[in-house]
N, C-alpha and C. Protein backbone atom coordinates (compact mmCIF):
# COMPACT_ATOMS: atom_id res chain seq x y z
N MET A 1 -11.11 -266.61 -119.08
CA MET A 1 -10.74 -265.74 -119.80
C MET A 1 -9.60 -265.61 -121.34
N ASN A 2 -8.80 -266.69 -121.72
CA ASN A 2 -9.14 -266.89 -123.34
C ASN A 2 -10.28 -266.71 -124.07
N ASP A 3 -10.91 -267.80 -123.97
CA ASP A 3 -12.07 -267.80 -124.32
C ASP A 3 -12.93 -266.30 -124.81
N LEU A 4 -13.10 -265.87 -123.90
CA LEU A 4 -13.80 -264.34 -123.74
C LEU A 4 -12.70 -263.35 -125.06
N TYR A 5 -10.93 -263.34 -125.41
CA TYR A 5 -11.23 -262.98 -125.85
C TYR A 5 -10.06 -263.89 -127.75
N ASN A 6 -10.39 -264.74 -127.67
CA ASN A 6 -10.35 -265.80 -127.96
C ASN A 6 -8.77 -266.13 -128.95
N VAL A 7 -7.39 -265.68 -127.98
CA VAL A 7 -6.34 -265.67 -127.58
C VAL A 7 -5.70 -266.45 -126.69
N ASP A 8 -5.02 -267.30 -127.72
CA ASP A 8 -3.85 -268.25 -127.04
C ASP A 8 -3.44 -267.85 -126.18
N LYS A 9 -3.11 -267.81 -124.90
CA LYS A 9 -2.17 -266.47 -124.78
C LYS A 9 -0.98 -267.04 -124.04
N SER A 10 -0.95 -268.97 -124.11
CA SER A 10 -0.06 -269.28 -123.94
C SER A 10 1.20 -269.31 -125.39
N GLN A 11 0.65 -269.38 -126.41
CA GLN A 11 1.45 -269.18 -127.23
C GLN A 11 1.39 -267.89 -127.77
N TYR A 12 1.41 -266.72 -127.07
CA TYR A 12 1.52 -265.58 -127.30
C TYR A 12 2.48 -264.68 -126.16
N PRO A 13 3.30 -264.75 -125.68
CA PRO A 13 3.69 -264.44 -124.30
C PRO A 13 3.26 -263.08 -124.65
N ASP A 14 4.31 -262.11 -125.66
CA ASP A 14 3.87 -260.54 -125.81
C ASP A 14 2.52 -260.11 -126.62
N PRO A 15 1.93 -259.61 -126.28
CA PRO A 15 0.40 -259.37 -126.44
C PRO A 15 0.19 -258.79 -127.55
N GLN A 16 1.66 -258.15 -128.08
CA GLN A 16 1.88 -257.46 -128.73
C GLN A 16 1.85 -258.50 -130.97
N ASP A 17 2.69 -259.28 -130.04
CA ASP A 17 2.61 -260.53 -130.68
C ASP A 17 0.39 -261.59 -131.24
N ALA A 18 0.43 -261.56 -130.64
CA ALA A 18 -0.92 -261.84 -130.80
C ALA A 18 -1.67 -261.58 -130.89
N PHE A 19 -1.89 -259.96 -131.37
CA PHE A 19 -2.95 -258.93 -131.86
C PHE A 19 -2.52 -259.31 -133.78
N ASN A 20 -1.01 -259.56 -133.31
CA ASN A 20 -0.61 -259.04 -135.15
C ASN A 20 -1.06 -260.64 -135.37
N ALA A 21 -1.18 -261.67 -134.48
CA ALA A 21 -1.95 -263.21 -135.31
C ALA A 21 -3.02 -262.52 -135.23
N ILE A 22 -3.61 -262.39 -135.25
CA ILE A 22 -5.24 -262.02 -134.93
C ILE A 22 -5.58 -260.51 -136.42
N GLN A 23 -5.10 -260.14 -136.61
CA GLN A 23 -4.74 -259.50 -137.68
C GLN A 23 -4.60 -259.79 -139.11
N ARG A 24 -3.56 -260.73 -138.44
CA ARG A 24 -3.55 -262.05 -140.01
C ARG A 24 -4.60 -262.70 -140.54
N ASN A 25 -4.68 -263.09 -138.86
CA ASN A 25 -6.27 -263.92 -139.52
C ASN A 25 -7.29 -263.29 -140.06
N ALA A 26 -7.76 -261.56 -139.08
CA ALA A 26 -8.43 -261.61 -140.25
C ALA A 26 -8.69 -260.61 -141.53
N ASN A 27 -7.58 -260.64 -141.84
CA ASN A 27 -7.49 -260.15 -143.47
C ASN A 27 -6.86 -261.91 -144.20
N ALA A 28 -6.91 -263.02 -143.16
CA ALA A 28 -6.75 -264.36 -144.47
C ALA A 28 -8.08 -264.51 -144.45
N THR A 29 -9.48 -264.11 -143.71
CA THR A 29 -10.81 -264.91 -144.16
C THR A 29 -11.23 -263.94 -143.71
N PRO A 30 -11.79 -262.87 -143.59
CA PRO A 30 -12.63 -261.52 -143.55
C PRO A 30 -14.41 -261.36 -142.91
N ILE A 31 -14.77 -262.82 -143.73
CA ILE A 31 -15.66 -263.39 -143.23
C ILE A 31 -16.01 -264.00 -142.13
N VAL A 32 -15.41 -265.02 -141.81
CA VAL A 32 -14.92 -266.28 -141.27
C VAL A 32 -14.97 -265.00 -140.27
N PHE A 33 -13.42 -263.84 -139.77
CA PHE A 33 -13.23 -263.03 -139.14
C PHE A 33 -14.38 -262.93 -138.39
N ARG A 34 -15.07 -262.02 -139.58
CA ARG A 34 -16.32 -261.29 -138.96
C ARG A 34 -17.17 -261.77 -137.98
N LEU A 35 -17.47 -262.81 -138.24
CA LEU A 35 -18.53 -263.33 -137.72
C LEU A 35 -17.51 -263.80 -136.13
N ILE A 36 -16.99 -264.46 -136.50
CA ILE A 36 -16.37 -264.91 -135.24
C ILE A 36 -16.14 -263.69 -134.33
N ALA A 37 -15.73 -262.23 -134.64
CA ALA A 37 -15.55 -261.08 -134.17
C ALA A 37 -16.52 -260.60 -133.62
N THR A 38 -18.11 -260.90 -134.56
CA THR A 38 -19.34 -260.62 -133.82
C THR A 38 -19.39 -261.05 -133.03
N MET A 39 -19.23 -262.60 -132.87
CA MET A 39 -20.06 -263.18 -131.41
C MET A 39 -19.37 -263.05 -130.47
N GLY A 40 -17.42 -263.21 -130.40
CA GLY A 40 -17.22 -262.29 -129.58
C GLY A 40 -17.70 -261.38 -129.07
N TRP A 41 -17.75 -260.19 -130.23
CA TRP A 41 -18.44 -259.09 -128.97
C TRP A 41 -19.69 -258.84 -128.49
N THR A 42 -20.81 -259.67 -128.76
CA THR A 42 -21.95 -260.26 -128.37
C THR A 42 -21.58 -260.26 -127.34
N ASN A 43 -20.57 -261.98 -127.19
CA ASN A 43 -20.37 -261.62 -125.54
C ASN A 43 -19.99 -261.25 -124.99
N ILE A 44 -19.23 -260.02 -124.91
CA ILE A 44 -18.50 -258.92 -124.21
C ILE A 44 -19.85 -258.56 -123.97
N ALA A 45 -20.21 -258.41 -124.62
CA ALA A 45 -21.66 -257.04 -124.16
C ALA A 45 -22.64 -257.78 -122.47
N ALA A 46 -22.84 -258.90 -123.20
CA ALA A 46 -23.43 -260.37 -122.73
C ALA A 46 -22.79 -260.14 -121.45
N GLN A 47 -21.84 -260.58 -121.23
CA GLN A 47 -20.72 -260.19 -119.56
C GLN A 47 -20.41 -259.32 -119.87
N ILE A 48 -20.79 -258.32 -119.89
CA ILE A 48 -20.78 -256.60 -119.21
C ILE A 48 -22.58 -256.37 -119.07
N ARG A 49 -23.32 -256.12 -119.97
CA ARG A 49 -24.89 -256.78 -119.35
C ARG A 49 -25.00 -257.18 -117.68
N GLN A 50 -24.27 -258.54 -117.41
CA GLN A 50 -24.25 -259.54 -116.17
C GLN A 50 -23.53 -259.14 -114.95
N MET A 51 -22.53 -257.86 -115.07
CA MET A 51 -22.78 -257.91 -114.68
C MET A 51 -21.91 -256.24 -114.47
N LYS A 52 -22.99 -256.01 -114.77
CA LYS A 52 -22.92 -254.17 -115.06
C LYS A 52 -23.02 -253.81 -113.13
N ASN A 53 -23.32 -253.68 -112.49
CA ASN A 53 -23.74 -253.53 -111.15
C ASN A 53 -21.98 -253.76 -110.67
N GLU A 54 -21.12 -253.94 -111.15
CA GLU A 54 -20.00 -254.25 -109.98
C GLU A 54 -18.76 -253.65 -110.85
N LEU A 55 -19.48 -253.40 -112.51
CA LEU A 55 -18.52 -252.74 -113.30
C LEU A 55 -18.79 -250.87 -112.73
N SER A 56 -17.96 -250.19 -113.14
CA SER A 56 -17.96 -248.68 -113.87
C SER A 56 -17.85 -248.68 -115.19
N CYS A 57 -18.62 -247.56 -115.67
CA CYS A 57 -18.35 -247.37 -117.40
C CYS A 57 -18.85 -248.87 -117.94
N SER A 58 -20.11 -248.91 -117.15
CA SER A 58 -20.94 -250.46 -117.85
C SER A 58 -21.32 -250.30 -119.10
N GLY A 59 -22.01 -249.48 -119.59
CA GLY A 59 -22.64 -248.82 -120.09
C GLY A 59 -22.01 -248.09 -121.41
N GLU A 60 -20.86 -247.76 -121.35
CA GLU A 60 -19.76 -247.39 -122.10
C GLU A 60 -19.05 -248.91 -123.21
N GLY A 61 -19.22 -249.47 -122.06
CA GLY A 61 -18.44 -250.91 -121.80
C GLY A 61 -19.85 -251.17 -123.95
N ILE A 62 -21.04 -251.88 -123.11
CA ILE A 62 -21.44 -251.92 -123.81
C ILE A 62 -22.67 -251.09 -125.75
N VAL A 63 -22.13 -249.73 -124.65
CA VAL A 63 -22.24 -248.86 -126.30
C VAL A 63 -21.24 -249.59 -127.05
N LEU A 64 -19.57 -249.36 -126.49
CA LEU A 64 -17.96 -249.86 -127.63
C LEU A 64 -18.53 -251.62 -127.92
N SER A 65 -19.40 -252.38 -127.27
CA SER A 65 -19.46 -253.58 -128.39
C SER A 65 -20.02 -253.41 -129.39
N GLY A 66 -21.28 -252.70 -129.13
CA GLY A 66 -22.40 -252.62 -130.15
C GLY A 66 -21.85 -251.86 -131.17
N PHE A 67 -19.99 -250.64 -131.30
CA PHE A 67 -20.17 -249.97 -132.15
C PHE A 67 -19.47 -251.15 -132.86
N ALA A 68 -18.40 -252.23 -132.31
CA ALA A 68 -17.42 -252.49 -132.88
C ALA A 68 -18.40 -253.63 -133.76
N ILE A 69 -19.53 -254.40 -133.13
CA ILE A 69 -20.46 -255.15 -134.06
C ILE A 69 -21.27 -254.56 -135.34
N ASN A 70 -21.41 -253.32 -135.32
CA ASN A 70 -21.56 -252.53 -136.19
C ASN A 70 -20.13 -251.90 -137.52
N TYR A 71 -19.08 -251.48 -137.21
CA TYR A 71 -18.12 -251.20 -137.69
C TYR A 71 -17.57 -252.69 -138.09
N ILE A 72 -17.48 -253.97 -137.91
CA ILE A 72 -16.67 -255.34 -138.55
C ILE A 72 -17.72 -256.33 -139.47
N ASN A 73 -18.74 -255.36 -139.39
CA ASN A 73 -20.03 -255.85 -140.63
C ASN A 73 -20.52 -254.98 -141.37
N ASN A 74 -19.63 -253.00 -141.07
CA ASN A 74 -19.95 -252.59 -141.91
C ASN A 74 -21.26 -252.14 -142.33
N VAL A 75 -21.47 -251.04 -140.88
CA VAL A 75 -23.47 -251.35 -141.20
C VAL A 75 -23.09 -249.26 -140.46
N LEU A 76 -21.93 -248.41 -140.21
CA LEU A 76 -21.84 -247.08 -139.68
C LEU A 76 -22.48 -246.37 -139.80
N ASN A 77 -22.81 -245.65 -139.65
CA ASN A 77 -23.51 -243.82 -139.64
C ASN A 77 -23.00 -243.23 -138.84
N VAL A 78 -22.41 -243.61 -137.49
CA VAL A 78 -22.21 -242.47 -136.88
C VAL A 78 -20.66 -242.65 -136.62
N LYS A 79 -19.98 -242.10 -135.75
CA LYS A 79 -18.55 -241.81 -134.98
C LYS A 79 -18.99 -242.12 -133.34
N LEU A 80 -17.82 -243.30 -133.11
CA LEU A 80 -17.71 -243.23 -131.69
C LEU A 80 -16.72 -242.44 -131.13
N PRO A 81 -16.95 -241.80 -130.17
CA PRO A 81 -16.66 -240.79 -129.01
C PRO A 81 -15.26 -241.11 -128.38
N SER A 82 -14.45 -240.91 -128.33
CA SER A 82 -13.22 -240.79 -128.19
C SER A 82 -13.29 -242.01 -126.94
N MET A 83 -13.93 -240.76 -125.63
CA MET A 83 -14.40 -240.98 -124.55
C MET A 83 -14.91 -242.55 -124.03
N ILE A 84 -16.16 -243.12 -125.12
CA ILE A 84 -16.13 -244.14 -125.43
C ILE A 84 -15.70 -245.33 -124.95
N LEU A 85 -14.78 -245.14 -126.23
CA LEU A 85 -13.46 -245.75 -126.26
C LEU A 85 -12.66 -245.63 -125.27
N GLU A 86 -12.30 -245.00 -124.49
CA GLU A 86 -11.90 -245.02 -123.81
C GLU A 86 -12.08 -245.70 -121.98
N GLN A 87 -13.39 -244.96 -121.72
CA GLN A 87 -14.09 -245.94 -121.14
C GLN A 87 -14.86 -247.04 -120.93
N GLY A 88 -14.97 -247.39 -122.19
CA GLY A 88 -15.42 -248.41 -122.23
C GLY A 88 -14.17 -249.56 -122.35
N THR A 89 -13.09 -249.09 -122.71
CA THR A 89 -11.90 -250.14 -122.71
C THR A 89 -11.27 -250.77 -121.10
N GLU A 90 -11.64 -249.22 -121.11
CA GLU A 90 -11.59 -249.78 -118.69
C GLU A 90 -12.69 -249.95 -118.52
N CYS A 91 -13.62 -250.18 -118.73
CA CYS A 91 -14.53 -252.00 -118.25
C CYS A 91 -14.20 -252.82 -118.73
N ILE A 92 -14.03 -253.20 -119.82
CA ILE A 92 -13.77 -254.58 -120.48
C ILE A 92 -12.21 -254.98 -120.08
N LYS A 93 -11.79 -254.17 -119.31
CA LYS A 93 -10.51 -254.43 -118.20
C LYS A 93 -10.91 -254.99 -116.81
N GLN A 94 -11.50 -253.80 -116.84
CA GLN A 94 -12.87 -254.96 -115.46
C GLN A 94 -12.96 -255.89 -115.12
N LEU A 95 -13.91 -256.00 -116.26
CA LEU A 95 -14.57 -257.48 -116.94
C LEU A 95 -13.69 -258.51 -116.61
N THR A 96 -12.08 -258.16 -117.87
CA THR A 96 -11.34 -259.29 -117.66
C THR A 96 -10.63 -259.32 -116.07
N GLU A 97 -10.35 -258.36 -115.10
CA GLU A 97 -9.78 -258.49 -114.00
C GLU A 97 -10.83 -259.60 -113.21
N LYS A 98 -12.20 -259.06 -113.11
CA LYS A 98 -13.17 -259.80 -112.48
C LYS A 98 -13.06 -261.45 -112.63
N ASN A 99 -13.33 -261.56 -114.49
CA ASN A 99 -12.97 -262.96 -114.64
C ASN A 99 -11.55 -263.65 -114.54
N ILE A 100 -11.18 -263.29 -114.53
CA ILE A 100 -8.87 -263.92 -113.83
C ILE A 100 -10.10 -264.81 -112.34
N ASP A 101 -9.95 -262.89 -111.27
CA ASP A 101 -9.74 -263.71 -109.82
C ASP A 101 -11.00 -264.59 -110.01
N LYS A 102 -12.03 -265.13 -110.92
CA LYS A 102 -13.01 -266.11 -110.69
C LYS A 102 -11.88 -267.46 -110.47
N ASN A 103 -10.89 -267.51 -111.39
CA ASN A 103 -10.51 -268.76 -111.60
C ASN A 103 -9.67 -269.55 -110.46
N CYS A 104 -10.11 -270.28 -109.56
CA CYS A 104 -10.08 -271.21 -108.56
C CYS A 104 -8.30 -271.59 -108.95
N SER A 105 -7.89 -272.65 -109.85
CA SER A 105 -7.21 -272.83 -110.22
C SER A 105 -5.69 -272.34 -111.07
N MET A 106 -5.68 -270.88 -110.52
CA MET A 106 -5.03 -270.01 -110.99
C MET A 106 -3.66 -269.53 -109.08
N SER A 107 -3.42 -269.66 -109.45
CA SER A 107 -2.46 -268.72 -107.81
C SER A 107 -2.40 -267.64 -108.13
N ASP A 108 -2.14 -267.05 -106.68
CA ASP A 108 -2.25 -265.42 -107.26
C ASP A 108 -0.82 -264.63 -107.84
N THR A 109 0.07 -265.53 -107.91
CA THR A 109 0.93 -264.51 -108.89
C THR A 109 0.66 -264.81 -110.73
N GLN A 110 -0.02 -266.42 -110.70
CA GLN A 110 -0.62 -266.48 -112.02
C GLN A 110 -1.88 -264.99 -112.69
N LYS A 111 -2.91 -265.32 -111.82
CA LYS A 111 -4.09 -263.96 -111.77
C LYS A 111 -3.58 -262.93 -112.29
N LYS A 112 -2.55 -262.27 -111.26
CA LYS A 112 -2.07 -260.48 -111.59
C LYS A 112 -0.84 -260.96 -113.13
N ALA A 113 0.13 -262.09 -113.72
CA ALA A 113 0.48 -261.52 -115.22
C ALA A 113 -0.27 -261.66 -115.92
N GLU A 114 -1.61 -263.70 -116.00
CA GLU A 114 -2.78 -263.08 -116.68
C GLU A 114 -3.17 -261.51 -117.15
N LYS A 115 -3.68 -260.78 -115.69
CA LYS A 115 -3.92 -259.79 -115.11
C LYS A 115 -2.85 -258.61 -115.83
N GLU A 116 -1.68 -258.62 -115.92
CA GLU A 116 -1.42 -257.35 -116.61
C GLU A 116 -1.21 -258.58 -118.58
N TRP A 117 -0.71 -259.24 -118.67
CA TRP A 117 -0.78 -259.53 -120.38
C TRP A 117 -1.85 -258.81 -120.82
N TYR A 118 -2.61 -259.06 -120.45
CA TYR A 118 -4.43 -258.68 -120.89
C TYR A 118 -4.14 -257.59 -120.67
N THR A 119 -4.46 -256.57 -120.04
CA THR A 119 -4.44 -254.92 -120.35
C THR A 119 -3.81 -253.91 -120.71
N LEU A 120 -2.36 -254.84 -121.12
CA LEU A 120 -1.30 -254.82 -122.38
C LEU A 120 -1.88 -254.67 -123.65
N PHE A 121 -2.50 -256.23 -123.97
CA PHE A 121 -3.16 -256.61 -124.55
C PHE A 121 -4.43 -255.65 -125.28
N LEU A 122 -4.96 -255.22 -123.67
CA LEU A 122 -6.07 -254.08 -124.37
C LEU A 122 -5.54 -253.61 -124.61
N ASP A 123 -4.44 -252.47 -123.81
CA ASP A 123 -4.18 -250.83 -124.04
C ASP A 123 -3.87 -251.00 -126.01
N ILE A 124 -2.87 -252.12 -126.62
CA ILE A 124 -2.88 -252.07 -128.15
C ILE A 124 -3.38 -252.52 -128.53
N TRP A 125 -4.75 -253.27 -128.30
CA TRP A 125 -5.96 -253.23 -129.03
C TRP A 125 -6.43 -251.33 -129.08
N LYS A 126 -6.73 -250.81 -127.76
CA LYS A 126 -7.13 -249.54 -128.48
C LYS A 126 -6.57 -248.73 -129.14
N GLU A 127 -4.99 -248.90 -128.65
CA GLU A 127 -4.38 -247.83 -129.20
C GLU A 127 -4.91 -247.74 -130.62
N ARG A 128 -4.46 -249.11 -131.93
CA ARG A 128 -4.85 -249.92 -132.67
C ARG A 128 -5.90 -249.76 -133.49
N VAL A 129 -6.99 -249.95 -132.03
CA VAL A 129 -8.90 -248.94 -133.39
C VAL A 129 -8.56 -247.44 -133.26
N LYS A 130 -8.39 -247.28 -132.41
CA LYS A 130 -8.37 -245.50 -132.78
C LYS A 130 -7.28 -245.00 -133.03
N ASP A 131 -6.06 -245.74 -133.57
CA ASP A 131 -5.65 -244.51 -135.68
C ASP A 131 -6.31 -245.33 -136.63
N GLU A 132 -7.39 -246.22 -136.46
CA GLU A 132 -7.66 -247.20 -137.24
C GLU A 132 -8.95 -246.13 -137.46
N LEU A 133 -10.03 -245.85 -136.76
CA LEU A 133 -11.32 -244.73 -136.56
C LEU A 133 -10.94 -243.54 -136.83
N LYS A 134 -9.28 -243.19 -136.17
CA LYS A 134 -9.32 -241.80 -136.38
C LYS A 134 -8.51 -242.12 -138.58
N LYS A 135 -8.15 -242.63 -139.05
CA LYS A 135 -7.33 -242.73 -140.72
C LYS A 135 -8.79 -242.77 -140.93
N ALA A 136 -10.47 -243.88 -140.40
CA ALA A 136 -11.96 -243.94 -141.54
C ALA A 136 -12.09 -242.63 -141.19
N ASN A 137 -12.41 -241.44 -140.61
CA ASN A 137 -12.92 -240.29 -140.04
C ASN A 137 -13.78 -241.02 -138.90
N LEU A 138 -14.17 -241.65 -138.01
CA LEU A 138 -15.22 -241.91 -137.53
C LEU A 138 -15.55 -242.67 -135.71
N LEU A 139 -13.82 -241.15 -135.44
CA LEU A 139 -13.31 -241.19 -134.42
C LEU A 139 -13.91 -239.59 -133.33
N LEU A 140 -14.69 -239.26 -132.55
CA LEU A 140 -15.44 -238.10 -132.16
C LEU A 140 -13.67 -237.16 -131.06
N GLU A 141 -13.11 -236.99 -130.77
CA GLU A 141 -12.45 -236.58 -129.85
C GLU A 141 -12.92 -235.23 -129.43
């Protein structure tokens, strides 16, 4: 699962610290960050498409991925409905949980802890995105 978000969870026991580190990297090397982030979101969209029958709100997850790619690369001429942000994030949470469940080398306790960490990480991410989009007047309430 770490490959999906490019987060080394062992380095960041607190998801807020992980998000802060990602933000520092984005500010330090914006071009490299945009390339890596674009590849990451493309991967997320591809995984959602592969598992669309197993995920609720898969369409919203794909739309959110496309919006994120455009936003990262400054190619925007539309606003994101808050419903897409909410349901798209829920889709990504479901995808994350399914990927964690596939990991046979983890105990149920480890899987539960991993799911909790990523749920918190995605909640923090969603709130930060919401604030950023509101500041840029790109969120439709």
